[in-house]
N, C-alpha and C. Protein backbone atom coordinates (compact mmCIF):
# COMPACT_ATOMS: atom_id res chain seq x y z
N UNK A 1 -14.76 -32.51 -53.31
CA UNK A 1 -14.28 -31.77 -52.14
C UNK A 1 -15.28 -30.71 -51.70
N UNK A 2 -15.82 -30.02 -52.66
CA UNK A 2 -16.80 -28.99 -52.30
C UNK A 2 -18.01 -29.60 -51.61
N UNK A 3 -18.40 -30.75 -52.10
CA UNK A 3 -19.55 -31.43 -51.50
C UNK A 3 -19.25 -31.84 -50.06
N UNK A 4 -18.03 -32.36 -49.82
CA UNK A 4 -17.62 -32.77 -48.48
C UNK A 4 -17.51 -31.56 -47.55
N UNK A 5 -16.96 -30.45 -48.08
CA UNK A 5 -16.85 -29.25 -47.27
C UNK A 5 -18.23 -28.71 -46.89
N UNK A 6 -19.15 -28.74 -47.85
CA UNK A 6 -20.51 -28.27 -47.58
C UNK A 6 -21.19 -29.15 -46.54
N UNK A 7 -20.98 -30.46 -46.67
CA UNK A 7 -21.56 -31.39 -45.71
C UNK A 7 -20.98 -31.17 -44.32
N UNK A 8 -19.65 -30.97 -44.25
CA UNK A 8 -19.00 -30.72 -42.97
C UNK A 8 -19.49 -29.43 -42.34
N UNK A 9 -19.69 -28.40 -43.17
CA UNK A 9 -20.17 -27.13 -42.65
C UNK A 9 -21.57 -27.26 -42.06
N UNK A 10 -22.36 -28.17 -42.62
CA UNK A 10 -23.70 -28.39 -42.09
C UNK A 10 -23.69 -29.25 -40.82
N UNK A 11 -22.80 -30.23 -40.79
CA UNK A 11 -22.78 -31.17 -39.67
C UNK A 11 -22.21 -30.57 -38.39
N UNK A 12 -21.27 -29.64 -38.51
CA UNK A 12 -20.63 -29.07 -37.31
C UNK A 12 -21.65 -28.36 -36.40
N UNK A 13 -22.45 -27.43 -36.91
CA UNK A 13 -23.43 -26.79 -36.02
C UNK A 13 -24.49 -27.76 -35.52
N UNK A 14 -24.85 -28.74 -36.37
CA UNK A 14 -25.83 -29.74 -35.93
C UNK A 14 -25.27 -30.54 -34.76
N UNK A 15 -23.99 -30.91 -34.85
CA UNK A 15 -23.36 -31.67 -33.77
C UNK A 15 -23.29 -30.86 -32.49
N UNK A 16 -23.00 -29.56 -32.63
CA UNK A 16 -22.93 -28.71 -31.44
C UNK A 16 -24.29 -28.58 -30.76
N UNK A 17 -25.33 -28.39 -31.58
CA UNK A 17 -26.68 -28.27 -31.03
C UNK A 17 -27.10 -29.58 -30.37
N UNK A 18 -26.77 -30.70 -31.01
CA UNK A 18 -27.12 -32.00 -30.45
C UNK A 18 -26.42 -32.24 -29.12
N UNK A 19 -25.17 -31.85 -29.03
CA UNK A 19 -24.43 -32.00 -27.77
C UNK A 19 -25.03 -31.14 -26.67
N UNK A 20 -25.41 -29.92 -27.02
CA UNK A 20 -26.01 -29.03 -26.04
C UNK A 20 -27.35 -29.56 -25.55
N UNK A 21 -28.16 -30.04 -26.48
CA UNK A 21 -29.46 -30.60 -26.10
C UNK A 21 -29.31 -31.85 -25.26
N UNK A 22 -28.34 -32.67 -25.60
CA UNK A 22 -28.12 -33.91 -24.84
C UNK A 22 -27.73 -33.62 -23.41
N UNK A 23 -26.97 -32.56 -23.21
CA UNK A 23 -26.53 -32.21 -21.85
C UNK A 23 -27.68 -31.70 -21.01
N UNK A 24 -28.72 -31.13 -21.68
CA UNK A 24 -29.85 -30.58 -20.95
C UNK A 24 -31.07 -31.49 -20.97
N UNK A 25 -31.07 -32.45 -21.86
CA UNK A 25 -32.27 -33.26 -22.06
C UNK A 25 -32.56 -34.17 -20.88
N UNK A 26 -31.55 -34.77 -20.30
CA UNK A 26 -31.73 -35.71 -19.20
C UNK A 26 -31.10 -35.15 -17.94
N UNK A 27 -31.84 -34.41 -17.14
CA UNK A 27 -31.27 -33.84 -15.94
C UNK A 27 -30.84 -34.91 -14.94
N UNK A 28 -31.39 -36.11 -15.06
CA UNK A 28 -31.01 -37.17 -14.14
C UNK A 28 -29.55 -37.55 -14.30
N UNK A 29 -29.00 -37.31 -15.51
CA UNK A 29 -27.60 -37.64 -15.75
C UNK A 29 -26.68 -36.76 -14.91
N UNK A 30 -27.17 -35.56 -14.54
CA UNK A 30 -26.37 -34.66 -13.70
C UNK A 30 -26.98 -34.55 -12.31
N UNK A 31 -27.64 -35.64 -11.87
CA UNK A 31 -28.41 -35.58 -10.64
C UNK A 31 -27.57 -35.18 -9.44
N UNK A 32 -26.35 -35.66 -9.39
CA UNK A 32 -25.52 -35.36 -8.24
C UNK A 32 -25.18 -33.89 -8.10
N UNK A 33 -25.36 -33.12 -9.18
CA UNK A 33 -25.01 -31.71 -9.17
C UNK A 33 -26.23 -30.81 -9.03
N UNK A 34 -27.42 -31.40 -8.99
CA UNK A 34 -28.66 -30.62 -9.03
C UNK A 34 -29.24 -30.49 -7.62
N UNK A 35 -29.68 -29.27 -7.29
CA UNK A 35 -30.31 -29.00 -6.00
C UNK A 35 -31.70 -28.41 -6.24
N UNK A 36 -32.68 -28.92 -5.52
CA UNK A 36 -34.05 -28.41 -5.61
C UNK A 36 -34.49 -27.96 -4.23
N UNK A 37 -35.38 -26.98 -4.19
CA UNK A 37 -35.83 -26.41 -2.93
C UNK A 37 -37.27 -26.78 -2.65
N UNK A 38 -37.58 -26.95 -1.36
CA UNK A 38 -38.95 -27.23 -0.91
C UNK A 38 -39.36 -26.12 0.04
N UNK A 39 -40.48 -25.47 -0.26
CA UNK A 39 -41.03 -24.43 0.61
C UNK A 39 -42.34 -24.96 1.19
N UNK A 40 -42.36 -25.17 2.48
CA UNK A 40 -43.54 -25.74 3.13
C UNK A 40 -44.35 -24.64 3.84
N UNK A 41 -45.43 -24.22 3.21
CA UNK A 41 -46.33 -23.23 3.80
C UNK A 41 -47.58 -23.88 4.40
N UNK A 42 -47.58 -25.18 4.45
CA UNK A 42 -48.77 -25.91 4.87
C UNK A 42 -49.10 -25.66 6.34
N UNK A 43 -50.39 -25.57 6.63
CA UNK A 43 -50.88 -25.45 8.00
C UNK A 43 -51.53 -26.77 8.39
N UNK A 44 -50.96 -27.41 9.40
CA UNK A 44 -51.45 -28.72 9.83
C UNK A 44 -52.90 -28.65 10.30
N UNK A 45 -53.61 -29.75 10.15
CA UNK A 45 -54.99 -29.84 10.61
C UNK A 45 -55.08 -30.90 11.70
N UNK A 46 -56.16 -30.84 12.47
CA UNK A 46 -56.39 -31.81 13.54
C UNK A 46 -57.63 -32.62 13.20
N UNK A 47 -57.48 -33.94 13.14
CA UNK A 47 -58.59 -34.83 12.82
C UNK A 47 -58.74 -35.81 13.97
N UNK A 48 -59.91 -35.80 14.59
CA UNK A 48 -60.20 -36.66 15.74
C UNK A 48 -59.14 -36.52 16.82
N UNK A 49 -58.70 -35.27 17.05
CA UNK A 49 -57.73 -35.02 18.10
C UNK A 49 -56.30 -35.32 17.72
N UNK A 50 -56.05 -35.74 16.48
CA UNK A 50 -54.70 -36.09 16.04
C UNK A 50 -54.18 -35.04 15.06
N UNK A 51 -53.00 -34.48 15.35
CA UNK A 51 -52.40 -33.49 14.46
C UNK A 51 -51.94 -34.17 13.17
N UNK A 52 -52.30 -33.58 12.03
CA UNK A 52 -51.98 -34.17 10.73
C UNK A 52 -51.24 -33.16 9.88
N UNK A 53 -49.90 -33.10 9.96
CA UNK A 53 -49.11 -32.15 9.17
C UNK A 53 -48.62 -32.79 7.87
N UNK A 54 -49.47 -32.91 6.89
CA UNK A 54 -49.11 -33.62 5.66
C UNK A 54 -48.03 -32.88 4.87
N UNK A 55 -48.03 -31.55 4.91
CA UNK A 55 -46.99 -30.80 4.20
C UNK A 55 -45.61 -31.10 4.76
N UNK A 56 -45.51 -31.15 6.08
CA UNK A 56 -44.23 -31.45 6.71
C UNK A 56 -43.79 -32.88 6.37
N UNK A 57 -44.75 -33.79 6.32
CA UNK A 57 -44.41 -35.18 5.99
C UNK A 57 -43.91 -35.29 4.55
N UNK A 58 -44.54 -34.57 3.63
CA UNK A 58 -44.11 -34.63 2.24
C UNK A 58 -42.72 -34.03 2.08
N UNK A 59 -42.46 -32.88 2.72
CA UNK A 59 -41.14 -32.25 2.64
C UNK A 59 -40.07 -33.18 3.21
N UNK A 60 -40.38 -33.81 4.33
CA UNK A 60 -39.41 -34.73 4.94
C UNK A 60 -39.16 -35.93 4.04
N UNK A 61 -40.18 -36.40 3.37
CA UNK A 61 -40.02 -37.55 2.47
C UNK A 61 -39.14 -37.19 1.28
N UNK A 62 -39.28 -35.97 0.76
CA UNK A 62 -38.44 -35.54 -0.35
C UNK A 62 -36.98 -35.44 0.08
N UNK A 63 -36.73 -34.82 1.24
CA UNK A 63 -35.35 -34.67 1.72
C UNK A 63 -34.75 -36.02 2.05
N UNK A 64 -35.54 -36.87 2.69
CA UNK A 64 -35.03 -38.19 3.08
C UNK A 64 -34.75 -39.07 1.87
N UNK A 65 -35.59 -38.94 0.83
CA UNK A 65 -35.43 -39.80 -0.33
C UNK A 65 -34.65 -39.17 -1.46
N UNK A 66 -33.77 -38.19 -1.15
CA UNK A 66 -33.02 -37.50 -2.20
C UNK A 66 -32.23 -38.46 -3.07
N UNK A 67 -31.50 -39.37 -2.48
CA UNK A 67 -30.64 -40.27 -3.26
C UNK A 67 -31.44 -41.29 -4.05
N UNK A 68 -32.55 -41.74 -3.47
CA UNK A 68 -33.32 -42.78 -4.15
C UNK A 68 -34.29 -42.22 -5.18
N UNK A 69 -34.64 -40.93 -5.07
CA UNK A 69 -35.60 -40.34 -6.00
C UNK A 69 -34.92 -39.29 -6.86
N UNK A 70 -34.40 -39.73 -7.98
CA UNK A 70 -33.79 -38.81 -8.92
C UNK A 70 -32.37 -38.45 -8.58
N UNK A 71 -31.95 -38.74 -7.35
CA UNK A 71 -30.59 -38.44 -6.94
C UNK A 71 -30.33 -36.98 -6.68
N UNK A 72 -31.37 -36.13 -6.71
CA UNK A 72 -31.18 -34.71 -6.47
C UNK A 72 -30.98 -34.44 -4.98
N UNK A 73 -30.46 -33.27 -4.69
CA UNK A 73 -30.36 -32.82 -3.31
C UNK A 73 -31.53 -31.87 -3.04
N UNK A 74 -32.40 -32.26 -2.12
CA UNK A 74 -33.56 -31.45 -1.78
C UNK A 74 -33.31 -30.73 -0.46
N UNK A 75 -33.57 -29.43 -0.43
CA UNK A 75 -33.39 -28.65 0.78
C UNK A 75 -34.68 -27.91 1.10
N UNK A 76 -34.98 -27.76 2.40
CA UNK A 76 -36.16 -27.03 2.84
C UNK A 76 -35.76 -25.59 3.12
N UNK A 77 -36.48 -24.65 2.52
CA UNK A 77 -36.14 -23.24 2.69
C UNK A 77 -37.41 -22.40 2.68
N UNK A 78 -37.26 -21.06 2.67
CA UNK A 78 -38.44 -20.19 2.64
C UNK A 78 -38.66 -19.67 1.22
N UNK A 79 -39.73 -18.92 1.05
CA UNK A 79 -40.13 -18.46 -0.28
C UNK A 79 -39.11 -17.50 -0.89
N UNK A 80 -38.57 -16.59 -0.09
CA UNK A 80 -37.63 -15.60 -0.61
C UNK A 80 -36.35 -16.27 -1.11
N UNK A 81 -35.80 -17.17 -0.30
CA UNK A 81 -34.57 -17.85 -0.69
C UNK A 81 -34.80 -18.73 -1.92
N UNK A 82 -35.97 -19.36 -1.97
CA UNK A 82 -36.27 -20.23 -3.11
C UNK A 82 -36.36 -19.44 -4.40
N UNK A 83 -37.04 -18.28 -4.35
CA UNK A 83 -37.18 -17.46 -5.55
C UNK A 83 -35.83 -16.92 -6.02
N UNK A 84 -35.01 -16.47 -5.06
CA UNK A 84 -33.68 -15.96 -5.41
C UNK A 84 -32.79 -17.06 -5.96
N UNK A 85 -32.87 -18.24 -5.34
CA UNK A 85 -32.06 -19.37 -5.80
C UNK A 85 -32.46 -19.85 -7.18
N UNK A 86 -33.76 -19.83 -7.48
CA UNK A 86 -34.23 -20.25 -8.80
C UNK A 86 -33.76 -19.27 -9.86
N UNK A 87 -33.81 -17.99 -9.55
CA UNK A 87 -33.38 -16.97 -10.51
C UNK A 87 -31.87 -17.02 -10.73
N UNK A 88 -31.12 -17.30 -9.66
CA UNK A 88 -29.66 -17.33 -9.78
C UNK A 88 -29.14 -18.66 -10.32
N UNK A 89 -30.02 -19.66 -10.42
CA UNK A 89 -29.58 -20.96 -10.91
C UNK A 89 -29.08 -21.88 -9.81
N UNK A 90 -29.21 -21.45 -8.55
CA UNK A 90 -28.80 -22.31 -7.44
C UNK A 90 -29.72 -23.51 -7.31
N UNK A 91 -31.00 -23.28 -7.55
CA UNK A 91 -31.99 -24.34 -7.49
C UNK A 91 -32.51 -24.63 -8.89
N UNK A 92 -32.54 -25.89 -9.24
CA UNK A 92 -33.07 -26.28 -10.55
C UNK A 92 -34.59 -26.27 -10.55
N UNK A 93 -35.18 -26.38 -9.38
CA UNK A 93 -36.64 -26.37 -9.26
C UNK A 93 -37.02 -25.97 -7.85
N UNK A 94 -38.22 -25.42 -7.72
CA UNK A 94 -38.75 -25.04 -6.41
C UNK A 94 -40.15 -25.65 -6.28
N UNK A 95 -40.33 -26.42 -5.22
CA UNK A 95 -41.62 -27.02 -4.93
C UNK A 95 -42.22 -26.29 -3.73
N UNK A 96 -43.41 -25.71 -3.91
CA UNK A 96 -44.08 -24.97 -2.84
C UNK A 96 -45.33 -25.72 -2.42
N UNK A 97 -45.41 -26.05 -1.15
CA UNK A 97 -46.58 -26.73 -0.60
C UNK A 97 -47.49 -25.66 0.00
N UNK A 98 -48.69 -25.43 -0.56
CA UNK A 98 -49.56 -24.34 -0.12
C UNK A 98 -50.07 -24.54 1.31
N UNK A 99 -50.60 -23.47 1.88
CA UNK A 99 -51.08 -23.51 3.26
C UNK A 99 -52.26 -24.46 3.43
N UNK A 100 -53.05 -24.64 2.39
CA UNK A 100 -54.26 -25.47 2.51
C UNK A 100 -54.02 -26.93 2.14
N UNK A 101 -52.76 -27.35 2.01
CA UNK A 101 -52.46 -28.69 1.52
C UNK A 101 -53.08 -29.77 2.41
N UNK A 102 -52.82 -29.72 3.71
CA UNK A 102 -53.35 -30.74 4.63
C UNK A 102 -54.87 -30.71 4.66
N UNK A 103 -55.43 -29.50 4.71
CA UNK A 103 -56.89 -29.37 4.77
C UNK A 103 -57.54 -29.94 3.50
N UNK A 104 -56.94 -29.66 2.35
CA UNK A 104 -57.50 -30.17 1.09
C UNK A 104 -57.33 -31.69 0.99
N UNK A 105 -56.16 -32.18 1.41
CA UNK A 105 -55.88 -33.61 1.28
C UNK A 105 -56.79 -34.45 2.17
N UNK A 106 -57.25 -33.87 3.27
CA UNK A 106 -58.12 -34.60 4.20
C UNK A 106 -59.56 -34.10 4.14
N UNK A 107 -59.91 -33.38 3.09
CA UNK A 107 -61.24 -32.78 3.00
C UNK A 107 -62.34 -33.82 2.87
N UNK A 108 -61.98 -35.06 2.52
CA UNK A 108 -63.01 -36.09 2.42
C UNK A 108 -63.62 -36.38 3.79
N UNK A 109 -62.93 -35.99 4.86
CA UNK A 109 -63.44 -36.23 6.21
C UNK A 109 -64.39 -35.14 6.68
N UNK A 110 -64.53 -34.06 5.91
CA UNK A 110 -65.36 -32.94 6.34
C UNK A 110 -66.84 -33.17 6.06
N UNK A 111 -67.10 -34.00 5.07
CA UNK A 111 -68.49 -34.21 4.67
C UNK A 111 -69.00 -33.18 3.69
N UNK A 112 -68.14 -32.22 3.31
CA UNK A 112 -68.55 -31.17 2.36
C UNK A 112 -68.05 -31.44 0.95
N UNK A 113 -67.48 -32.61 0.71
CA UNK A 113 -66.94 -32.92 -0.61
C UNK A 113 -65.42 -32.80 -0.62
N UNK A 114 -64.76 -33.73 -1.28
CA UNK A 114 -63.30 -33.74 -1.31
C UNK A 114 -62.75 -32.67 -2.26
N UNK A 115 -61.61 -32.09 -1.87
CA UNK A 115 -60.93 -31.11 -2.71
C UNK A 115 -59.55 -31.64 -3.06
N UNK A 116 -59.05 -31.25 -4.23
CA UNK A 116 -57.71 -31.66 -4.65
C UNK A 116 -56.65 -30.89 -3.87
N UNK A 117 -55.65 -31.62 -3.40
CA UNK A 117 -54.51 -30.99 -2.74
C UNK A 117 -53.46 -30.68 -3.80
N UNK A 118 -53.18 -29.42 -4.02
CA UNK A 118 -52.30 -29.00 -5.10
C UNK A 118 -50.91 -28.64 -4.58
N UNK A 119 -49.92 -28.81 -5.44
CA UNK A 119 -48.53 -28.45 -5.13
C UNK A 119 -48.00 -27.62 -6.29
N UNK A 120 -47.35 -26.51 -5.98
CA UNK A 120 -46.81 -25.63 -7.01
C UNK A 120 -45.38 -26.03 -7.34
N UNK A 121 -45.08 -26.17 -8.63
CA UNK A 121 -43.74 -26.52 -9.09
C UNK A 121 -43.23 -25.41 -10.01
N UNK A 122 -42.10 -24.83 -9.66
CA UNK A 122 -41.51 -23.77 -10.48
C UNK A 122 -40.15 -24.22 -10.98
N UNK A 123 -39.93 -24.07 -12.30
CA UNK A 123 -38.65 -24.41 -12.93
C UNK A 123 -38.30 -23.29 -13.91
N UNK A 124 -37.05 -23.19 -14.30
CA UNK A 124 -36.68 -22.18 -15.31
C UNK A 124 -37.45 -22.37 -16.61
N UNK A 125 -37.65 -21.32 -17.34
CA UNK A 125 -38.38 -21.39 -18.61
C UNK A 125 -37.71 -22.35 -19.57
N UNK A 126 -38.55 -23.18 -20.19
CA UNK A 126 -38.04 -24.09 -21.21
C UNK A 126 -37.49 -25.40 -20.67
N UNK A 127 -37.49 -25.60 -19.37
CA UNK A 127 -36.91 -26.82 -18.80
C UNK A 127 -38.01 -27.86 -18.60
N UNK A 128 -38.57 -28.32 -19.70
CA UNK A 128 -39.66 -29.29 -19.64
C UNK A 128 -39.22 -30.59 -19.00
N UNK A 129 -38.03 -31.06 -19.37
CA UNK A 129 -37.53 -32.32 -18.83
C UNK A 129 -37.36 -32.25 -17.31
N UNK A 130 -36.86 -31.11 -16.83
CA UNK A 130 -36.70 -30.93 -15.39
C UNK A 130 -38.05 -30.94 -14.69
N UNK A 131 -39.02 -30.25 -15.27
CA UNK A 131 -40.35 -30.20 -14.68
C UNK A 131 -40.98 -31.59 -14.62
N UNK A 132 -40.82 -32.35 -15.70
CA UNK A 132 -41.36 -33.71 -15.72
C UNK A 132 -40.72 -34.58 -14.65
N UNK A 133 -39.40 -34.44 -14.49
CA UNK A 133 -38.70 -35.24 -13.50
C UNK A 133 -39.14 -34.87 -12.08
N UNK A 134 -39.32 -33.56 -11.84
CA UNK A 134 -39.74 -33.11 -10.51
C UNK A 134 -41.13 -33.64 -10.17
N UNK A 135 -42.05 -33.58 -11.12
CA UNK A 135 -43.41 -34.07 -10.85
C UNK A 135 -43.40 -35.58 -10.61
N UNK A 136 -42.54 -36.30 -11.30
CA UNK A 136 -42.43 -37.74 -11.07
C UNK A 136 -41.92 -38.03 -9.66
N UNK A 137 -40.91 -37.28 -9.25
CA UNK A 137 -40.36 -37.45 -7.90
C UNK A 137 -41.41 -37.09 -6.85
N UNK A 138 -42.17 -36.02 -7.10
CA UNK A 138 -43.21 -35.61 -6.17
C UNK A 138 -44.28 -36.69 -6.02
N UNK A 139 -44.71 -37.25 -7.14
CA UNK A 139 -45.73 -38.28 -7.11
C UNK A 139 -45.26 -39.48 -6.31
N UNK A 140 -43.99 -39.86 -6.51
CA UNK A 140 -43.43 -41.00 -5.79
C UNK A 140 -43.36 -40.71 -4.29
N UNK A 141 -42.89 -39.52 -3.94
CA UNK A 141 -42.76 -39.15 -2.52
C UNK A 141 -44.13 -39.06 -1.85
N UNK A 142 -45.12 -38.51 -2.55
CA UNK A 142 -46.45 -38.38 -1.98
C UNK A 142 -47.08 -39.75 -1.78
N UNK A 143 -46.87 -40.65 -2.73
CA UNK A 143 -47.43 -41.99 -2.60
C UNK A 143 -46.88 -42.71 -1.38
N UNK A 144 -45.57 -42.61 -1.19
CA UNK A 144 -44.93 -43.30 -0.07
C UNK A 144 -45.17 -42.57 1.25
N UNK A 145 -44.98 -41.26 1.25
CA UNK A 145 -45.02 -40.51 2.49
C UNK A 145 -46.41 -40.21 3.02
N UNK A 146 -47.41 -40.10 2.11
CA UNK A 146 -48.74 -39.69 2.53
C UNK A 146 -49.78 -40.79 2.37
N UNK A 147 -49.49 -41.79 1.55
CA UNK A 147 -50.48 -42.82 1.26
C UNK A 147 -51.02 -43.50 2.50
N UNK A 148 -50.12 -43.92 3.37
CA UNK A 148 -50.56 -44.65 4.57
C UNK A 148 -51.38 -43.74 5.48
N UNK A 149 -50.93 -42.50 5.68
CA UNK A 149 -51.63 -41.58 6.56
C UNK A 149 -53.03 -41.27 6.04
N UNK A 150 -53.13 -40.98 4.74
CA UNK A 150 -54.43 -40.63 4.16
C UNK A 150 -55.38 -41.83 4.17
N UNK A 151 -54.84 -43.02 3.88
CA UNK A 151 -55.68 -44.21 3.90
C UNK A 151 -56.21 -44.48 5.30
N UNK A 152 -55.33 -44.35 6.30
CA UNK A 152 -55.74 -44.57 7.68
C UNK A 152 -56.82 -43.57 8.09
N UNK A 153 -56.61 -42.31 7.74
CA UNK A 153 -57.60 -41.27 8.07
C UNK A 153 -58.93 -41.56 7.40
N UNK A 154 -58.87 -41.95 6.12
CA UNK A 154 -60.10 -42.22 5.38
C UNK A 154 -60.86 -43.39 6.00
N UNK A 155 -60.15 -44.47 6.30
CA UNK A 155 -60.80 -45.65 6.87
C UNK A 155 -61.42 -45.32 8.22
N UNK A 156 -60.68 -44.57 9.04
CA UNK A 156 -61.21 -44.21 10.36
C UNK A 156 -62.49 -43.38 10.21
N UNK A 157 -62.49 -42.44 9.27
CA UNK A 157 -63.67 -41.60 9.08
C UNK A 157 -64.86 -42.42 8.58
N UNK A 158 -64.59 -43.36 7.68
CA UNK A 158 -65.68 -44.19 7.15
C UNK A 158 -66.25 -45.07 8.25
N UNK A 159 -65.37 -45.69 9.06
CA UNK A 159 -65.84 -46.56 10.13
C UNK A 159 -66.62 -45.78 11.18
N UNK A 160 -66.13 -44.58 11.50
CA UNK A 160 -66.86 -43.74 12.44
C UNK A 160 -68.22 -43.38 11.86
N UNK A 161 -68.25 -43.11 10.55
CA UNK A 161 -69.52 -42.80 9.90
C UNK A 161 -70.49 -43.97 9.97
N UNK A 162 -69.98 -45.18 9.74
CA UNK A 162 -70.82 -46.36 9.82
C UNK A 162 -71.32 -46.55 11.26
N UNK A 163 -70.44 -46.34 12.22
CA UNK A 163 -70.82 -46.50 13.62
C UNK A 163 -71.91 -45.51 14.00
N UNK A 164 -71.73 -44.27 13.58
CA UNK A 164 -72.72 -43.24 13.88
C UNK A 164 -74.05 -43.56 13.21
N UNK A 165 -73.99 -43.99 11.96
CA UNK A 165 -75.20 -44.36 11.25
C UNK A 165 -75.89 -45.52 11.95
N UNK A 166 -75.09 -46.49 12.41
CA UNK A 166 -75.65 -47.64 13.12
C UNK A 166 -76.36 -47.22 14.38
N UNK A 167 -75.76 -46.27 15.12
CA UNK A 167 -76.40 -45.77 16.33
C UNK A 167 -77.73 -45.10 16.00
N UNK A 168 -77.71 -44.29 14.93
CA UNK A 168 -78.93 -43.59 14.54
C UNK A 168 -80.02 -44.57 14.10
N UNK A 169 -79.60 -45.62 13.36
CA UNK A 169 -80.57 -46.62 12.95
C UNK A 169 -81.12 -47.35 14.17
N UNK A 170 -80.26 -47.59 15.18
CA UNK A 170 -80.71 -48.23 16.41
C UNK A 170 -81.72 -47.37 17.13
N UNK A 171 -81.46 -46.06 17.19
CA UNK A 171 -82.40 -45.14 17.83
C UNK A 171 -83.72 -45.12 17.06
N UNK A 172 -83.66 -45.15 15.75
CA UNK A 172 -84.88 -45.15 14.94
C UNK A 172 -85.68 -46.43 15.19
N UNK A 173 -84.97 -47.57 15.31
CA UNK A 173 -85.65 -48.83 15.57
C UNK A 173 -86.32 -48.81 16.93
N UNK A 174 -85.61 -48.24 17.93
CA UNK A 174 -86.20 -48.14 19.27
C UNK A 174 -87.45 -47.26 19.23
N UNK A 175 -87.38 -46.16 18.51
CA UNK A 175 -88.53 -45.27 18.40
C UNK A 175 -89.71 -45.95 17.73
N UNK A 176 -89.42 -46.75 16.68
CA UNK A 176 -90.49 -47.46 16.00
C UNK A 176 -91.14 -48.48 16.92
N UNK A 177 -90.33 -49.15 17.75
CA UNK A 177 -90.88 -50.12 18.69
C UNK A 177 -91.75 -49.44 19.73
N UNK A 178 -91.28 -48.28 20.22
CA UNK A 178 -92.08 -47.53 21.19
C UNK A 178 -93.41 -47.08 20.57
N UNK A 179 -93.32 -46.66 19.29
CA UNK A 179 -94.53 -46.25 18.59
C UNK A 179 -95.50 -47.42 18.47
N UNK A 180 -94.96 -48.61 18.15
CA UNK A 180 -95.80 -49.80 18.02
C UNK A 180 -96.43 -50.16 19.36
N UNK A 181 -95.64 -50.07 20.43
CA UNK A 181 -96.17 -50.36 21.77
C UNK A 181 -97.27 -49.37 22.12
N UNK A 182 -97.04 -48.10 21.80
CA UNK A 182 -98.05 -47.08 22.08
C UNK A 182 -99.33 -47.33 21.31
N UNK A 183 -99.19 -47.76 20.05
CA UNK A 183 -100.38 -48.05 19.25
C UNK A 183 -101.15 -49.22 19.85
N UNK A 184 -100.41 -50.22 20.37
CA UNK A 184 -101.07 -51.36 21.01
C UNK A 184 -101.84 -50.93 22.26
N UNK A 185 -101.19 -50.06 23.05
CA UNK A 185 -101.86 -49.57 24.26
C UNK A 185 -103.10 -48.75 23.90
N UNK A 186 -102.99 -47.99 22.80
CA UNK A 186 -104.14 -47.21 22.36
C UNK A 186 -105.29 -48.13 21.97
N UNK A 187 -104.96 -49.22 21.28
CA UNK A 187 -106.00 -50.18 20.90
C UNK A 187 -106.65 -50.80 22.13
N UNK A 188 -105.80 -51.15 23.13
CA UNK A 188 -106.35 -51.71 24.37
C UNK A 188 -107.27 -50.70 25.05
N UNK A 189 -106.84 -49.45 25.06
CA UNK A 189 -107.66 -48.41 25.68
C UNK A 189 -108.99 -48.24 24.98
N UNK A 190 -108.96 -48.31 23.65
CA UNK A 190 -110.21 -48.18 22.89
C UNK A 190 -111.15 -49.35 23.19
N UNK A 191 -110.58 -50.55 23.35
CA UNK A 191 -111.39 -51.72 23.68
C UNK A 191 -112.03 -51.56 25.06
N UNK A 192 -111.19 -51.04 26.00
CA UNK A 192 -111.72 -50.81 27.35
C UNK A 192 -112.82 -49.76 27.32
N UNK A 193 -112.65 -48.74 26.47
CA UNK A 193 -113.69 -47.71 26.34
C UNK A 193 -114.98 -48.31 25.80
N UNK A 194 -114.86 -49.21 24.81
CA UNK A 194 -116.04 -49.86 24.26
C UNK A 194 -116.74 -50.72 25.31
N UNK A 195 -115.92 -51.48 26.08
CA UNK A 195 -116.49 -52.31 27.14
C UNK A 195 -117.19 -51.44 28.19
N UNK A 196 -116.57 -50.32 28.51
CA UNK A 196 -117.18 -49.41 29.48
C UNK A 196 -118.49 -48.85 28.99
N UNK A 197 -118.56 -48.58 27.68
CA UNK A 197 -119.80 -48.06 27.11
C UNK A 197 -120.91 -49.10 27.23
N UNK A 198 -120.54 -50.37 26.98
CA UNK A 198 -121.55 -51.44 27.11
C UNK A 198 -122.03 -51.53 28.56
N UNK A 199 -121.08 -51.46 29.48
CA UNK A 199 -121.44 -51.53 30.91
C UNK A 199 -122.34 -50.36 31.29
N UNK A 200 -122.03 -49.19 30.75
CA UNK A 200 -122.84 -48.00 31.03
C UNK A 200 -124.27 -48.19 30.51
N UNK A 201 -124.36 -48.76 29.30
CA UNK A 201 -125.70 -48.98 28.73
C UNK A 201 -126.49 -49.96 29.58
N UNK A 202 -125.86 -51.02 30.04
CA UNK A 202 -126.53 -52.01 30.89
C UNK A 202 -126.98 -51.38 32.21
N UNK A 203 -126.08 -50.59 32.78
CA UNK A 203 -126.41 -49.91 34.04
C UNK A 203 -127.55 -48.94 33.89
N UNK A 204 -127.58 -48.28 32.77
CA UNK A 204 -128.65 -47.33 32.52
C UNK A 204 -129.99 -48.06 32.44
N UNK A 205 -130.00 -49.23 31.76
CA UNK A 205 -131.23 -50.04 31.68
C UNK A 205 -131.66 -50.49 33.06
N UNK A 206 -130.75 -50.92 33.87
CA UNK A 206 -131.07 -51.38 35.24
C UNK A 206 -131.65 -50.23 36.06
N UNK A 207 -131.07 -49.04 35.87
CA UNK A 207 -131.57 -47.88 36.60
C UNK A 207 -132.99 -47.54 36.19
N UNK A 208 -133.27 -47.66 34.90
CA UNK A 208 -134.63 -47.36 34.43
C UNK A 208 -135.64 -48.34 35.00
N UNK A 209 -135.22 -49.62 35.05
CA UNK A 209 -136.11 -50.63 35.61
C UNK A 209 -136.39 -50.35 37.09
N UNK A 210 -135.32 -49.92 37.76
CA UNK A 210 -135.49 -49.63 39.20
C UNK A 210 -136.41 -48.47 39.43
N UNK A 211 -136.28 -47.47 38.60
CA UNK A 211 -137.15 -46.29 38.73
C UNK A 211 -138.60 -46.68 38.46
N UNK A 212 -138.81 -47.59 37.48
CA UNK A 212 -140.17 -48.03 37.18
C UNK A 212 -140.75 -48.78 38.36
């Protein structure tokens, strides 16, 4: 009996801790009750005359795909409300899209080297599972919502680059041809100069004979 009582005394707290961890371990199990906030501080950029608001597109993709991505409820709000909601437990996570998001995501078109487009994720301390789930949802939303736009922009920039390079190569070829033509004309001129010198020498001899 003493052994059973000792075993029971050990198992009760273990069972309580296990139950508590299980309730917090998989936030997806409580997805219908979880709300996350999106703060979009992104400043849209213009590429080839086309407005490219990637931050707005990502936020819209998260809100639109709430049921299909983790089942959470995503709401768009400002920084103050997001911080207060995270502290009060209203929001399980806060995703902040920085002001330079669009510029960084499309930096490959600048010619100065590509930069990583970063997104800030804030969750309560110790909520590793929640943070992992949020980053997974973000990756999925970014792939679907931004992949086509970024690919299209990249391809357009590359093709424009090829076209511009082709024009420059064409101009260089034209210049080389003009240079070759000029060299030919110079050779012809030198030949004419040589022929003229011969004629001059002959004329000089004739003049000397006449003077004699």
